Amino acid sequence: MNKCRKVMILLFAVIVCLSFAGCSLQDKIKDYSSDKEECYLNKENVTQFSYKGNNYTILADTVSNGGLGEWIGYIRQLAAVDEAGKILLQENIETATFQTLADLVDKAPNAAYIIPFLNVYAAPNADDYLIVDVNGGYHKAVIDENIKGTDTVFDFKDIEQSMSGKFEINPQNATQLLCNGAVYQVTSDTVSNNELGSYIDILAENIIFNAETKIPLPKEELSKIDWYGESAGQQREQWIYKDIYEIQGTEKTEAVAVQINDRYYIAKRQ
């Protein structure tokens, strides 16, 4: 699988999640960000952006969700870049659709990577760097002239790392998640948005399963006309999986929060 296709899979999940969000959420985002500073990516170097006239370089260093300061700006772009990190094309992530993503690839056939950029935050206890949400991680960003020899610049090519440790739904039990050989059982316990920690992953899966066996139903069965009423007594459930987050104060090796049907449920490691 080539690198661009891997990024396409990741971005496909992002678009699914945005599609689930709906127009009302997009309207709220616009209202909330009306007093935030719009930031601009450097078209010659995707690891750089500008904020209030200053040029910043994104570093490999990341912080957790709890390490974010005030929300001060936004980028919110899908950037199609070549091997050298030059931006070939950008699309607004707020209005992105499946067709937008397809068009982005068609319009920039030489793109090797497609990278999502979201919001920009202040550092909570420092004024020498900002934090930018890029490719699913909260990366530190420093003013260009303040870069030190020991600093490592954000590696936009490191798609393997960003896609490692991925969660997936257990094909034999739709109420369980699998990650690196571990099984996480979704419970009936929920957490609020304020209890969420760092972002982990996006599932973006619409699963219909047998309520008794927990086995996901194949598309062939869902589309098949039941002439003989064989499934009349079969109880089915539909879960729409979206984001996965850490839970504040809990190691992700113990439990995570997974968004199902617009609520965050605790999935505990077995």
C-alpha atoms as a PDB file:
ATOM      1  CA  MET A   1       0.000   0.000   0.000  1.00  0.00           C
ATOM      2  CA  ASN A   2       1.620   3.308  -1.024  1.00  0.00           C
ATOM      3  CA  LYS A   3       1.925   6.276   1.312  1.00  0.00           C
ATOM      4  CA  CYS A   4      -0.706   8.409  -0.383  1.00  0.00           C
ATOM      5  CA  ARG A   5      -3.241   5.583  -0.136  1.00  0.00           C
ATOM      6  CA  LYS A   6      -2.490   5.181   3.568  1.00  0.00           C
ATOM      7  CA  VAL A   7      -3.133   8.871   4.112  1.00  0.00           C
ATOM      8  CA  MET A   8      -6.298   8.580   2.070  1.00  0.00           C
ATOM      9  CA  ILE A   9      -7.571   5.918   4.468  1.00  0.00           C
ATOM     10  CA  LEU A  10      -6.860   8.171   7.435  1.00  0.00           C
ATOM     11  CA  LEU A  11      -8.506  11.177   5.805  1.00  0.00           C
ATOM     12  CA  PHE A  12     -11.460   9.069   4.691  1.00  0.00           C
ATOM     13  CA  ALA A  13     -12.133   8.438   8.388  1.00  0.00           C
ATOM     14  CA  VAL A  14     -11.818  12.155   9.132  1.00  0.00           C
ATOM     15  CA  ILE A  15     -14.357  12.983   6.432  1.00  0.00           C
ATOM     16  CA  VAL A  16     -16.763  10.342   7.733  1.00  0.00           C
ATOM     17  CA  CYS A  17     -16.532  11.864  11.180  1.00  0.00           C
ATOM     18  CA  LEU A  18     -17.155  15.347   9.830  1.00  0.00           C
ATOM     19  CA  SER A  19     -20.108  14.093   7.834  1.00  0.00           C
ATOM     20  CA  PHE A  20     -21.634  12.599  10.979  1.00  0.00           C
ATOM     21  CA  ALA A  21     -21.177  15.945  12.747  1.00  0.00           C
ATOM     22  CA  GLY A  22     -23.789  17.691  10.613  1.00  0.00           C
ATOM     23  CA  CYS A  23     -24.352  21.299   9.643  1.00  0.00           C
ATOM     24  CA  SER A  24     -25.480  22.417  13.096  1.00  0.00           C
ATOM     25  CA  LEU A  25     -22.106  21.515  14.593  1.00  0.00           C
ATOM     26  CA  GLN A  26     -20.279  23.277  11.772  1.00  0.00           C
ATOM     27  CA  ASP A  27     -22.355  26.408  12.454  1.00  0.00           C
ATOM     28  CA  LYS A  28     -21.456  26.233  16.150  1.00  0.00           C
ATOM     29  CA  ILE A  29     -17.766  25.876  15.288  1.00  0.00           C
ATOM     30  CA  LYS A  30     -17.939  29.011  13.159  1.00  0.00           C
ATOM     31  CA  ASP A  31     -19.617  30.916  15.993  1.00  0.00           C
ATOM     32  CA  TYR A  32     -17.067  29.750  18.562  1.00  0.00           C
ATOM     33  CA  SER A  33     -14.120  30.598  16.312  1.00  0.00           C
ATOM     34  CA  SER A  34     -15.359  34.048  15.279  1.00  0.00           C
ATOM     35  CA  ASP A  35     -12.944  35.741  17.711  1.00  0.00           C
ATOM     36  CA  LYS A  36     -10.006  33.405  16.963  1.00  0.00           C
ATOM     37  CA  GLU A  37      -7.020  34.276  14.764  1.00  0.00           C
ATOM     38  CA  GLU A  38      -6.885  32.627  11.368  1.00  0.00           C
ATOM     39  CA  CYS A  39      -3.464  31.098  10.779  1.00  0.00           C
ATOM     40  CA  TYR A  40      -1.905  30.353   7.401  1.00  0.00           C
ATOM     41  CA  LEU A  41       0.307  27.479   6.303  1.00  0.00           C
ATOM     42  CA  ASN A  42       3.559  28.217   4.480  1.00  0.00           C
ATOM     43  CA  LYS A  43       2.908  26.957   0.950  1.00  0.00           C
ATOM     44  CA  GLU A  44       6.594  26.174   0.489  1.00  0.00           C
ATOM     45  CA  ASN A  45       6.933  24.234   3.746  1.00  0.00           C
ATOM     46  CA  VAL A  46       4.031  22.397   5.395  1.00  0.00           C
ATOM     47  CA  THR A  47       5.835  22.324   8.754  1.00  0.00           C
ATOM     48  CA  GLN A  48       5.472  26.112   9.081  1.00  0.00           C
ATOM     49  CA  PHE A  49       2.559  28.504   9.619  1.00  0.00           C
ATOM     50  CA  SER A  50       1.996  32.149  10.537  1.00  0.00           C
ATOM     51  CA  TYR A  51       0.161  33.548  13.562  1.00  0.00           C
ATOM     52  CA  LYS A  52      -0.294  37.305  14.075  1.00  0.00           C
ATOM     53  CA  GLY A  53       2.597  38.155  11.773  1.00  0.00           C
ATOM     54  CA  ASN A  54       5.038  35.666  13.285  1.00  0.00           C
ATOM     55  CA  ASN A  55       6.271  32.565  11.502  1.00  0.00           C
ATOM     56  CA  TYR A  56       6.228  29.316  13.467  1.00  0.00           C
ATOM     57  CA  THR A  57       7.808  25.918  12.843  1.00  0.00           C
ATOM     58  CA  ILE A  58       5.947  22.808  14.017  1.00  0.00           C
ATOM     59  CA  LEU A  59       8.012  20.424  16.135  1.00  0.00           C
ATOM     60  CA  ALA A  60       7.816  16.685  16.663  1.00  0.00           C
ATOM     61  CA  ASP A  61       7.176  17.275  20.380  1.00  0.00           C
ATOM     62  CA  THR A  62       3.563  16.733  21.422  1.00  0.00           C
ATOM     63  CA  VAL A  63       1.439  17.439  24.489  1.00  0.00           C
ATOM     64  CA  SER A  64      -1.682  15.769  25.861  1.00  0.00           C
ATOM     65  CA  ASN A  65      -5.183  17.200  25.756  1.00  0.00           C
ATOM     66  CA  GLY A  66      -4.638  18.367  29.337  1.00  0.00           C
ATOM     67  CA  GLY A  67      -1.556  20.308  28.243  1.00  0.00           C
ATOM     68  CA  LEU A  68      -3.486  22.723  26.045  1.00  0.00           C
ATOM     69  CA  GLY A  69      -3.870  26.381  26.930  1.00  0.00           C
ATOM     70  CA  GLU A  70      -6.398  28.858  25.567  1.00  0.00           C
ATOM     71  CA  TRP A  71      -7.775  28.259  22.074  1.00  0.00           C
ATOM     72  CA  ILE A  72      -6.411  31.225  20.164  1.00  0.00           C
ATOM     73  CA  GLY A  73      -6.456  30.384  16.453  1.00  0.00           C
ATOM     74  CA  TYR A  74      -7.243  27.933  13.716  1.00  0.00           C
ATOM     75  CA  ILE A  75      -5.943  26.571  10.414  1.00  0.00           C
ATOM     76  CA  ARG A  76      -8.580  23.921   9.553  1.00  0.00           C
ATOM     77  CA  GLN A  77      -7.176  22.879   6.213  1.00  0.00           C
ATOM     78  CA  LEU A  78      -6.503  19.627   4.394  1.00  0.00           C
ATOM     79  CA  ALA A  79      -3.077  20.139   2.856  1.00  0.00           C
ATOM     80  CA  ALA A  80      -1.966  18.047  -0.119  1.00  0.00           C
ATOM     81  CA  VAL A  81       1.839  18.089  -0.180  1.00  0.00           C
ATOM     82  CA  ASP A  82       4.630  16.590  -2.242  1.00  0.00           C
ATOM     83  CA  GLU A  83       7.645  14.632  -1.010  1.00  0.00           C
ATOM     84  CA  ALA A  84       9.533  17.852  -0.257  1.00  0.00           C
ATOM     85  CA  GLY A  85       6.729  19.257   1.915  1.00  0.00           C
ATOM     86  CA  LYS A  86       5.533  21.860  -0.578  1.00  0.00           C
ATOM     87  CA  ILE A  87       1.771  22.440  -0.424  1.00  0.00           C
ATOM     88  CA  LEU A  88       0.183  21.721  -3.783  1.00  0.00           C
ATOM     89  CA  LEU A  89      -3.419  22.349  -2.776  1.00  0.00           C
ATOM     90  CA  GLN A  90      -5.528  23.132   0.296  1.00  0.00           C
ATOM     91  CA  GLU A  91      -9.194  22.559   1.116  1.00  0.00           C
ATOM     92  CA  ASN A  92     -11.271  23.862   4.032  1.00  0.00           C
ATOM     93  CA  ILE A  93     -11.732  20.938   6.412  1.00  0.00           C
ATOM     94  CA  GLU A  94     -15.010  22.326   7.831  1.00  0.00           C
ATOM     95  CA  THR A  95     -16.854  21.958   4.546  1.00  0.00           C
ATOM     96  CA  ALA A  96     -15.035  18.836   3.380  1.00  0.00           C
ATOM     97  CA  THR A  97     -17.049  15.957   1.928  1.00  0.00           C
ATOM     98  CA  PHE A  98     -16.228  12.598   0.372  1.00  0.00           C
ATOM     99  CA  GLN A  99     -16.255  14.333  -3.009  1.00  0.00           C
ATOM    100  CA  THR A 100     -13.924  17.060  -1.717  1.00  0.00           C
ATOM    101  CA  LEU A 101     -11.360  14.459  -0.759  1.00  0.00           C
ATOM    102  CA  ALA A 102     -11.649  12.731  -4.109  1.00  0.00           C
ATOM    103  CA  ASP A 103     -11.314  16.075  -5.900  1.00  0.00           C
ATOM    104  CA  LEU A 104      -8.287  16.953  -3.798  1.00  0.00           C
ATOM    105  CA  VAL A 105      -6.476  13.852  -4.989  1.00  0.00           C
ATOM    106  CA  ASP A 106      -7.517  14.431  -8.599  1.00  0.00           C
ATOM    107  CA  LYS A 107      -6.469  18.090  -8.543  1.00  0.00           C
ATOM    108  CA  ALA A 108      -3.101  17.309  -6.967  1.00  0.00           C
ATOM    109  CA  PRO A 109      -1.999  14.044  -8.610  1.00  0.00           C
ATOM    110  CA  ASN A 110       1.600  14.614  -7.505  1.00  0.00           C
ATOM    111  CA  ALA A 111       0.667  14.803  -3.826  1.00  0.00           C
ATOM    112  CA  ALA A 112       2.397  12.214  -1.660  1.00  0.00           C
ATOM    113  CA  TYR A 113       0.596  13.126   1.567  1.00  0.00           C
ATOM    114  CA  ILE A 114      -2.651  14.750   2.680  1.00  0.00           C
ATOM    115  CA  ILE A 115      -2.404  16.246   6.159  1.00  0.00           C
ATOM    116  CA  PRO A 116      -5.263  17.636   8.291  1.00  0.00           C
ATOM    117  CA  PHE A 117      -4.641  20.805  10.362  1.00  0.00           C
ATOM    118  CA  LEU A 118      -7.162  21.983  12.963  1.00  0.00           C
ATOM    119  CA  ASN A 119      -6.871  24.478  15.839  1.00  0.00           C
ATOM    120  CA  VAL A 120      -4.032  26.461  17.406  1.00  0.00           C
ATOM    121  CA  TYR A 121      -3.663  26.846  21.183  1.00  0.00           C
ATOM    122  CA  ALA A 122      -1.526  28.830  23.580  1.00  0.00           C
ATOM    123  CA  ALA A 123       0.796  26.967  25.939  1.00  0.00           C
ATOM    124  CA  PRO A 124      -0.762  26.945  29.449  1.00  0.00           C
ATOM    125  CA  ASN A 125       2.381  27.857  31.394  1.00  0.00           C
ATOM    126  CA  ALA A 126       4.742  29.242  28.765  1.00  0.00           C
ATOM    127  CA  ASP A 127       4.837  31.976  26.158  1.00  0.00           C
ATOM    128  CA  ASP A 128       7.711  30.666  24.041  1.00  0.00           C
ATOM    129  CA  TYR A 129       5.647  28.244  21.966  1.00  0.00           C
ATOM    130  CA  LEU A 130       2.161  27.505  20.609  1.00  0.00           C
ATOM    131  CA  ILE A 131       0.376  24.190  20.135  1.00  0.00           C
ATOM    132  CA  VAL A 132      -1.201  23.115  16.843  1.00  0.00           C
ATOM    133  CA  ASP A 133      -3.517  20.171  16.223  1.00  0.00           C
ATOM    134  CA  VAL A 134      -2.055  18.411  13.180  1.00  0.00           C
ATOM    135  CA  ASN A 135      -2.535  14.859  11.924  1.00  0.00           C
ATOM    136  CA  GLY A 136      -4.283  13.794  15.126  1.00  0.00           C
ATOM    137  CA  GLY A 137      -1.593  15.092  17.539  1.00  0.00           C
ATOM    138  CA  TYR A 138      -1.034  18.285  19.536  1.00  0.00           C
ATOM    139  CA  HIS A 139       2.384  19.497  18.369  1.00  0.00           C
ATOM    140  CA  LYS A 140       4.449  22.311  19.828  1.00  0.00           C
ATOM    141  CA  ALA A 141       5.349  25.159  17.443  1.00  0.00           C
ATOM    142  CA  VAL A 142       8.051  27.787  18.025  1.00  0.00           C
ATOM    143  CA  ILE A 143       8.894  31.050  16.310  1.00  0.00           C
ATOM    144  CA  ASP A 144      11.383  30.308  13.542  1.00  0.00           C
ATOM    145  CA  GLU A 145      14.271  32.306  15.006  1.00  0.00           C
ATOM    146  CA  ASN A 146      13.875  30.523  18.358  1.00  0.00           C
ATOM    147  CA  ILE A 147      14.466  27.025  16.994  1.00  0.00           C
ATOM    148  CA  LYS A 148      17.279  25.262  18.838  1.00  0.00           C
ATOM    149  CA  GLY A 149      19.759  22.781  17.461  1.00  0.00           C
ATOM    150  CA  THR A 150      18.234  20.123  19.688  1.00  0.00           C
ATOM    151  CA  ASP A 151      14.697  20.654  18.330  1.00  0.00           C
ATOM    152  CA  THR A 152      13.203  18.088  15.944  1.00  0.00           C
ATOM    153  CA  VAL A 153      10.854  19.379  13.268  1.00  0.00           C
ATOM    154  CA  PHE A 154       7.496  17.663  12.739  1.00  0.00           C
ATOM    155  CA  ASP A 155       7.945  14.771  10.301  1.00  0.00           C
ATOM    156  CA  PHE A 156       4.981  15.035   7.926  1.00  0.00           C
ATOM    157  CA  LYS A 157       6.156  11.848   6.203  1.00  0.00           C
ATOM    158  CA  ASP A 158       5.782   9.699   9.316  1.00  0.00           C
ATOM    159  CA  ILE A 159       2.433   8.218   8.330  1.00  0.00           C
ATOM    160  CA  GLU A 160       3.368   4.792   9.694  1.00  0.00           C
ATOM    161  CA  GLN A 161       3.690   6.193  13.197  1.00  0.00           C
ATOM    162  CA  SER A 162       0.445   8.152  13.037  1.00  0.00           C
ATOM    163  CA  MET A 163      -1.423   5.040  11.956  1.00  0.00           C
ATOM    164  CA  SER A 164       0.203   2.586  14.368  1.00  0.00           C
ATOM    165  CA  GLY A 165      -1.662   1.257  17.379  1.00  0.00           C
ATOM    166  CA  LYS A 166      -4.968   1.683  15.590  1.00  0.00           C
ATOM    167  CA  PHE A 167      -8.193   0.590  17.215  1.00  0.00           C
ATOM    168  CA  GLU A 168     -10.607  -1.570  15.285  1.00  0.00           C
ATOM    169  CA  ILE A 169     -13.954  -3.211  15.981  1.00  0.00           C
ATOM    170  CA  ASN A 170     -13.825  -6.898  16.829  1.00  0.00           C
ATOM    171  CA  PRO A 171     -15.298  -8.676  13.769  1.00  0.00           C
ATOM    172  CA  GLN A 172     -16.658 -11.370  16.119  1.00  0.00           C
ATOM    173  CA  ASN A 173     -18.121  -8.987  18.708  1.00  0.00           C
ATOM    174  CA  ALA A 174     -19.328  -5.515  17.737  1.00  0.00           C
ATOM    175  CA  THR A 175     -19.253  -4.370  21.378  1.00  0.00           C
ATOM    176  CA  GLN A 176     -15.494  -4.834  21.644  1.00  0.00           C
ATOM    177  CA  LEU A 177     -12.467  -2.952  20.325  1.00  0.00           C
ATOM    178  CA  LEU A 178      -9.111  -4.467  19.443  1.00  0.00           C
ATOM    179  CA  CYS A 179      -5.746  -2.711  19.672  1.00  0.00           C
ATOM    180  CA  ASN A 180      -2.282  -4.259  19.555  1.00  0.00           C
ATOM    181  CA  GLY A 181      -3.680  -7.640  20.584  1.00  0.00           C
ATOM    182  CA  ALA A 182      -5.671  -6.243  23.541  1.00  0.00           C
ATOM    183  CA  VAL A 183      -9.477  -6.437  23.852  1.00  0.00           C
ATOM    184  CA  TYR A 184     -11.477  -3.470  25.141  1.00  0.00           C
ATOM    185  CA  GLN A 185     -15.073  -4.177  26.172  1.00  0.00           C
ATOM    186  CA  VAL A 186     -17.537  -1.306  25.719  1.00  0.00           C
ATOM    187  CA  THR A 187     -19.509  -0.807  28.942  1.00  0.00           C
ATOM    188  CA  SER A 188     -22.727   1.053  29.723  1.00  0.00           C
ATOM    189  CA  ASP A 189     -20.755   3.629  31.759  1.00  0.00           C
ATOM    190  CA  THR A 190     -20.312   7.037  30.141  1.00  0.00           C
ATOM    191  CA  VAL A 191     -18.051  10.070  30.590  1.00  0.00           C
ATOM    192  CA  SER A 192     -18.654  13.745  29.846  1.00  0.00           C
ATOM    193  CA  ASN A 193     -16.676  15.852  27.401  1.00  0.00           C
ATOM    194  CA  ASN A 194     -14.888  17.462  30.343  1.00  0.00           C
ATOM    195  CA  GLU A 195     -13.522  14.080  31.389  1.00  0.00           C
ATOM    196  CA  LEU A 196     -11.922  13.355  28.016  1.00  0.00           C
ATOM    197  CA  GLY A 197      -8.166  13.323  27.706  1.00  0.00           C
ATOM    198  CA  SER A 198      -6.001  13.187  24.581  1.00  0.00           C
ATOM    199  CA  TYR A 199      -7.435  12.266  21.215  1.00  0.00           C
ATOM    200  CA  ILE A 200      -6.420   8.746  20.180  1.00  0.00           C
ATOM    201  CA  ASP A 201      -8.134   7.594  17.026  1.00  0.00           C
ATOM    202  CA  ILE A 202     -11.123   7.746  14.692  1.00  0.00           C
ATOM    203  CA  LEU A 203     -13.204   4.672  13.930  1.00  0.00           C
ATOM    204  CA  ALA A 204     -16.068   6.161  11.871  1.00  0.00           C
ATOM    205  CA  GLU A 205     -17.906   2.868  11.510  1.00  0.00           C
ATOM    206  CA  ASN A 206     -21.648   2.264  11.237  1.00  0.00           C
ATOM    207  CA  ILE A 207     -22.206  -1.237  12.626  1.00  0.00           C
ATOM    208  CA  ILE A 208     -25.458  -3.226  12.680  1.00  0.00           C
ATOM    209  CA  PHE A 209     -25.180  -6.433  14.692  1.00  0.00           C
ATOM    210  CA  ASN A 210     -27.163  -9.286  16.173  1.00  0.00           C
ATOM    211  CA  ALA A 211     -28.077  -8.156  19.697  1.00  0.00           C
ATOM    212  CA  GLU A 212     -27.771 -11.698  21.036  1.00  0.00           C
ATOM    213  CA  THR A 213     -24.573 -12.928  19.422  1.00  0.00           C
ATOM    214  CA  LYS A 214     -22.960  -9.450  19.039  1.00  0.00           C
ATOM    215  CA  ILE A 215     -21.736 -10.529  15.596  1.00  0.00           C
ATOM    216  CA  PRO A 216     -21.842  -7.744  12.943  1.00  0.00           C
ATOM    217  CA  LEU A 217     -24.246  -8.481  10.118  1.00  0.00           C
ATOM    218  CA  PRO A 218     -22.670  -8.643   6.646  1.00  0.00           C
ATOM    219  CA  LYS A 219     -23.866  -6.202   4.012  1.00  0.00           C
ATOM    220  CA  GLU A 220     -25.226  -9.074   1.953  1.00  0.00           C
ATOM    221  CA  GLU A 221     -27.599 -10.036   4.764  1.00  0.00           C
ATOM    222  CA  LEU A 222     -28.698  -6.451   5.385  1.00  0.00           C
ATOM    223  CA  SER A 223     -29.521  -5.896   1.718  1.00  0.00           C
ATOM    224  CA  LYS A 224     -31.195  -9.271   1.232  1.00  0.00           C
ATOM    225  CA  ILE A 225     -34.982  -9.366   1.051  1.00  0.00           C
ATOM    226  CA  ASP A 226     -36.276 -11.642   3.808  1.00  0.00           C
ATOM    227  CA  TRP A 227     -39.021 -13.457   1.865  1.00  0.00           C
ATOM    228  CA  TYR A 228     -39.497 -16.145   4.512  1.00  0.00           C
ATOM    229  CA  GLY A 229     -39.337 -14.000   7.654  1.00  0.00           C
ATOM    230  CA  GLU A 230     -36.233 -15.756   8.883  1.00  0.00           C
ATOM    231  CA  SER A 231     -34.962 -12.633  10.631  1.00  0.00           C
ATOM    232  CA  ALA A 232     -38.343 -11.608  12.081  1.00  0.00           C
ATOM    233  CA  GLY A 233     -37.350 -12.673  15.593  1.00  0.00           C
ATOM    234  CA  GLN A 234     -33.803 -11.387  15.333  1.00  0.00           C
ATOM    235  CA  GLN A 235     -33.045  -8.351  17.491  1.00  0.00           C
ATOM    236  CA  ARG A 236     -30.637  -5.967  15.850  1.00  0.00           C
ATOM    237  CA  GLU A 237     -28.674  -3.019  17.194  1.00  0.00           C
ATOM    238  CA  GLN A 238     -26.979  -0.188  15.352  1.00  0.00           C
ATOM    239  CA  TRP A 239     -23.905   1.515  16.778  1.00  0.00           C
ATOM    240  CA  ILE A 240     -22.242   4.446  15.039  1.00  0.00           C
ATOM    241  CA  TYR A 241     -18.650   4.510  16.235  1.00  0.00           C
ATOM    242  CA  LYS A 242     -16.779   7.819  15.966  1.00  0.00           C
ATOM    243  CA  ASP A 243     -13.834   9.133  18.037  1.00  0.00           C
ATOM    244  CA  ILE A 244     -11.716   7.463  20.709  1.00  0.00           C
ATOM    245  CA  TYR A 245     -10.147   9.505  23.521  1.00  0.00           C
ATOM    246  CA  GLU A 246      -8.124   8.892  26.623  1.00  0.00           C
ATOM    247  CA  ILE A 247      -9.961   9.371  29.925  1.00  0.00           C
ATOM    248  CA  GLN A 248      -8.445  11.902  32.301  1.00  0.00           C
ATOM    249  CA  GLY A 249      -6.757  10.176  35.217  1.00  0.00           C
ATOM    250  CA  THR A 250      -6.902   6.751  33.530  1.00  0.00           C
ATOM    251  CA  GLU A 251      -4.168   5.023  31.554  1.00  0.00           C
ATOM    252  CA  LYS A 252      -5.276   4.088  28.052  1.00  0.00           C
ATOM    253  CA  THR A 253      -3.909   0.614  28.726  1.00  0.00           C
ATOM    254  CA  GLU A 254      -6.753   0.287  31.268  1.00  0.00           C
ATOM    255  CA  ALA A 255      -9.670   2.013  29.543  1.00  0.00           C
ATOM    256  CA  VAL A 256     -10.576   4.529  26.837  1.00  0.00           C
ATOM    257  CA  ALA A 257     -13.637   6.585  25.926  1.00  0.00           C
ATOM    258  CA  VAL A 258     -15.313   5.716  22.628  1.00  0.00           C
ATOM    259  CA  GLN A 259     -18.044   7.816  21.024  1.00  0.00           C
ATOM    260  CA  ILE A 260     -21.035   5.664  20.096  1.00  0.00           C
ATOM    261  CA  ASN A 261     -24.321   7.177  18.923  1.00  0.00           C
ATOM    262  CA  ASP A 262     -23.125  10.597  20.134  1.00  0.00           C
ATOM    263  CA  ARG A 263     -22.279   9.537  23.703  1.00  0.00           C
ATOM    264  CA  TYR A 264     -18.857   8.659  25.143  1.00  0.00           C
ATOM    265  CA  TYR A 265     -18.819   5.164  26.627  1.00  0.00           C
ATOM    266  CA  ILE A 266     -16.011   3.642  28.668  1.00  0.00           C
ATOM    267  CA  ALA A 267     -14.309   0.686  26.992  1.00  0.00           C
ATOM    268  CA  LYS A 268     -12.327  -1.313  29.545  1.00  0.00           C
ATOM    269  CA  ARG A 269      -9.382  -3.512  28.695  1.00  0.00           C
ATOM    270  CA  GLN A 270     -10.086  -7.176  29.426  1.00  0.00           C
END
